[in-house]
Amino acid sequence: MNIRTRKLIGTIALLVLAIVWSLMAMAIAQAPLIVESKWVQVAYYAVAGLGWVAPAMPIVTWMSRPDPQ
């Protein structure tokens, strides 16, 4: 698979990841434990806001591999 195809597939995968991650984060944020405490909210939003990076890194690494010769 050439790099252009990998980048197209990777871009679509990253968009899907971002959409699914944000919808799940919004749904979980409505939990009573999170809503009741400001400190838990701060911690949750920090983890939820940065947590998508870990699953995105393998996708980005795969996208940027050079073409096989």
N, C-alpha and C. Protein backbone atom coordinates (compact mmCIF):
# COMPACT_ATOMS: atom_id res chain seq x y z
N MET A 1 0.86 -1.17 0.00
CA MET A 1 0.00 0.00 0.00
C MET A 1 0.91 1.23 0.00
N ASN A 2 0.61 2.18 -0.87
CA ASN A 2 1.47 3.36 -0.91
C ASN A 2 1.09 4.36 0.17
N ILE A 3 1.95 5.33 0.37
CA ILE A 3 1.79 6.27 1.48
C ILE A 3 0.54 7.14 1.32
N ARG A 4 0.18 7.46 0.10
CA ARG A 4 -1.02 8.29 -0.10
C ARG A 4 -2.28 7.56 0.35
N THR A 5 -2.36 6.29 0.06
CA THR A 5 -3.52 5.49 0.48
C THR A 5 -3.54 5.34 1.99
N ARG A 6 -2.36 5.08 2.59
CA ARG A 6 -2.29 4.98 4.05
C ARG A 6 -2.71 6.29 4.71
N LYS A 7 -2.30 7.41 4.14
CA LYS A 7 -2.67 8.70 4.73
C LYS A 7 -4.17 8.95 4.62
N LEU A 8 -4.78 8.56 3.52
CA LEU A 8 -6.22 8.71 3.38
C LEU A 8 -6.96 7.86 4.40
N ILE A 9 -6.58 6.59 4.49
CA ILE A 9 -7.22 5.68 5.45
C ILE A 9 -6.95 6.15 6.88
N GLY A 10 -5.72 6.57 7.17
CA GLY A 10 -5.38 7.05 8.51
C GLY A 10 -6.13 8.30 8.89
N THR A 11 -6.32 9.21 7.94
CA THR A 11 -7.08 10.44 8.21
C THR A 11 -8.53 10.11 8.56
N ILE A 12 -9.12 9.21 7.80
CA ILE A 12 -10.50 8.80 8.09
C ILE A 12 -10.57 8.11 9.45
N ALA A 13 -9.58 7.26 9.75
CA ALA A 13 -9.56 6.58 11.05
C ALA A 13 -9.41 7.57 12.20
N LEU A 14 -8.57 8.59 12.01
CA LEU A 14 -8.40 9.60 13.06
C LEU A 14 -9.68 10.42 13.27
N LEU A 15 -10.37 10.73 12.19
CA LEU A 15 -11.64 11.46 12.32
C LEU A 15 -12.67 10.61 13.06
N VAL A 16 -12.76 9.34 12.71
CA VAL A 16 -13.70 8.45 13.40
C VAL A 16 -13.32 8.32 14.87
N LEU A 17 -12.03 8.17 15.15
CA LEU A 17 -11.56 8.08 16.53
C LEU A 17 -11.94 9.33 17.32
N ALA A 18 -11.71 10.51 16.74
CA ALA A 18 -12.01 11.76 17.44
C ALA A 18 -13.51 11.90 17.71
N ILE A 19 -14.32 11.53 16.75
CA ILE A 19 -15.78 11.65 16.92
C ILE A 19 -16.28 10.67 17.98
N VAL A 20 -15.86 9.41 17.87
CA VAL A 20 -16.31 8.41 18.84
C VAL A 20 -15.79 8.75 20.24
N TRP A 21 -14.53 9.16 20.32
CA TRP A 21 -13.93 9.50 21.63
C TRP A 21 -14.70 10.66 22.28
N SER A 22 -14.99 11.70 21.51
CA SER A 22 -15.67 12.86 22.10
C SER A 22 -17.10 12.52 22.51
N LEU A 23 -17.80 11.72 21.73
CA LEU A 23 -19.15 11.33 22.11
C LEU A 23 -19.15 10.47 23.37
N MET A 24 -18.20 9.55 23.45
CA MET A 24 -18.10 8.73 24.66
C MET A 24 -17.73 9.59 25.87
N ALA A 25 -16.81 10.52 25.68
CA ALA A 25 -16.40 11.39 26.79
C ALA A 25 -17.57 12.24 27.28
N MET A 26 -18.37 12.74 26.36
CA MET A 26 -19.54 13.53 26.77
C MET A 26 -20.56 12.68 27.51
N ALA A 27 -20.75 11.45 27.07
CA ALA A 27 -21.71 10.57 27.75
C ALA A 27 -21.22 10.21 29.15
N ILE A 28 -19.94 9.89 29.28
CA ILE A 28 -19.39 9.53 30.59
C ILE A 28 -19.37 10.73 31.53
N ALA A 29 -19.20 11.93 30.98
CA ALA A 29 -19.14 13.14 31.80
C ALA A 29 -20.44 13.42 32.54
N GLN A 30 -21.51 12.79 32.13
CA GLN A 30 -22.79 13.00 32.80
C GLN A 30 -23.00 12.10 34.01
N ALA A 31 -22.03 11.27 34.31
CA ALA A 31 -22.13 10.37 35.46
C ALA A 31 -22.21 11.18 36.75
N PRO A 32 -23.04 10.75 37.69
CA PRO A 32 -23.21 11.51 38.93
C PRO A 32 -21.91 11.75 39.69
N LEU A 33 -21.02 10.79 39.70
CA LEU A 33 -19.75 10.97 40.41
C LEU A 33 -18.96 12.14 39.83
N ILE A 34 -18.96 12.28 38.54
CA ILE A 34 -18.20 13.36 37.90
C ILE A 34 -18.91 14.70 38.06
N VAL A 35 -20.22 14.71 37.95
CA VAL A 35 -20.98 15.96 38.02
C VAL A 35 -20.91 16.58 39.42
N GLU A 36 -20.83 15.77 40.45
CA GLU A 36 -20.90 16.27 41.82
C GLU A 36 -19.65 17.00 42.29
N SER A 37 -18.50 16.68 41.76
CA SER A 37 -17.26 17.23 42.29
C SER A 37 -16.49 17.99 41.21
N LYS A 38 -16.12 19.23 41.52
CA LYS A 38 -15.35 20.04 40.58
C LYS A 38 -13.96 19.45 40.34
N TRP A 39 -13.35 18.90 41.38
CA TRP A 39 -12.00 18.33 41.23
C TRP A 39 -12.02 17.07 40.36
N VAL A 40 -13.06 16.27 40.52
CA VAL A 40 -13.19 15.08 39.68
C VAL A 40 -13.44 15.50 38.23
N GLN A 41 -14.20 16.58 38.04
CA GLN A 41 -14.44 17.09 36.68
C GLN A 41 -13.14 17.54 36.04
N VAL A 42 -12.32 18.27 36.78
CA VAL A 42 -11.04 18.75 36.25
C VAL A 42 -10.17 17.56 35.85
N ALA A 43 -10.07 16.57 36.72
CA ALA A 43 -9.26 15.39 36.42
C ALA A 43 -9.84 14.62 35.23
N TYR A 44 -11.14 14.47 35.21
CA TYR A 44 -11.77 13.72 34.11
C TYR A 44 -11.55 14.40 32.77
N TYR A 45 -11.78 15.71 32.71
CA TYR A 45 -11.62 16.41 31.45
C TYR A 45 -10.18 16.46 31.00
N ALA A 46 -9.24 16.48 31.93
CA ALA A 46 -7.82 16.42 31.55
C ALA A 46 -7.50 15.06 30.93
N VAL A 47 -7.97 13.99 31.56
CA VAL A 47 -7.72 12.65 31.04
C VAL A 47 -8.48 12.43 29.73
N ALA A 48 -9.73 12.83 29.68
CA ALA A 48 -10.53 12.63 28.47
C ALA A 48 -10.01 13.50 27.32
N GLY A 49 -9.53 14.68 27.63
CA GLY A 49 -9.03 15.57 26.59
C GLY A 49 -7.72 15.11 25.99
N LEU A 50 -6.88 14.50 26.78
CA LEU A 50 -5.58 14.04 26.29
C LEU A 50 -5.54 12.54 26.00
N GLY A 51 -6.55 11.83 26.44
CA GLY A 51 -6.54 10.37 26.32
C GLY A 51 -6.63 9.85 24.90
N TRP A 52 -7.15 10.62 23.97
CA TRP A 52 -7.27 10.16 22.60
C TRP A 52 -5.91 10.06 21.90
N VAL A 53 -4.89 10.69 22.47
CA VAL A 53 -3.57 10.70 21.84
C VAL A 53 -2.97 9.29 21.81
N ALA A 54 -3.14 8.52 22.89
CA ALA A 54 -2.56 7.17 22.95
C ALA A 54 -3.09 6.26 21.83
N PRO A 55 -4.41 6.20 21.59
CA PRO A 55 -4.86 5.35 20.48
C PRO A 55 -4.55 5.96 19.11
N ALA A 56 -4.33 7.26 19.04
CA ALA A 56 -4.04 7.90 17.74
C ALA A 56 -2.60 7.70 17.30
N MET A 57 -1.69 7.51 18.24
CA MET A 57 -0.27 7.39 17.88
C MET A 57 0.02 6.20 16.96
N PRO A 58 -0.52 5.01 17.20
CA PRO A 58 -0.25 3.92 16.24
C PRO A 58 -0.79 4.23 14.84
N ILE A 59 -1.89 4.93 14.76
CA ILE A 59 -2.44 5.28 13.45
C ILE A 59 -1.50 6.24 12.74
N VAL A 60 -1.03 7.26 13.44
CA VAL A 60 -0.11 8.24 12.85
C VAL A 60 1.20 7.57 12.45
N THR A 61 1.71 6.67 13.28
CA THR A 61 2.94 5.96 12.96
C THR A 61 2.76 5.12 11.71
N TRP A 62 1.64 4.42 11.61
CA TRP A 62 1.36 3.61 10.44
C TRP A 62 1.23 4.47 9.19
N MET A 63 0.59 5.63 9.33
CA MET A 63 0.41 6.52 8.18
C MET A 63 1.74 7.04 7.64
N SER A 64 2.69 7.29 8.51
CA SER A 64 3.93 7.96 8.10
C SER A 64 5.05 7.01 7.72
N ARG A 65 4.78 5.71 7.71
CA ARG A 65 5.82 4.75 7.27
C ARG A 65 6.16 5.01 5.81
N PRO A 66 7.42 4.88 5.45
CA PRO A 66 7.78 5.07 4.03
C PRO A 66 7.27 3.90 3.18
N ASP A 67 7.14 4.17 1.89
CA ASP A 67 6.72 3.13 0.96
C ASP A 67 7.77 2.04 0.89
N PRO A 68 7.36 0.78 0.78
CA PRO A 68 8.36 -0.30 0.59
C PRO A 68 8.96 -0.18 -0.80
N GLN A 69 10.23 -0.50 -0.88
CA GLN A 69 10.93 -0.39 -2.18
C GLN A 69 10.86 -1.65 -2.97
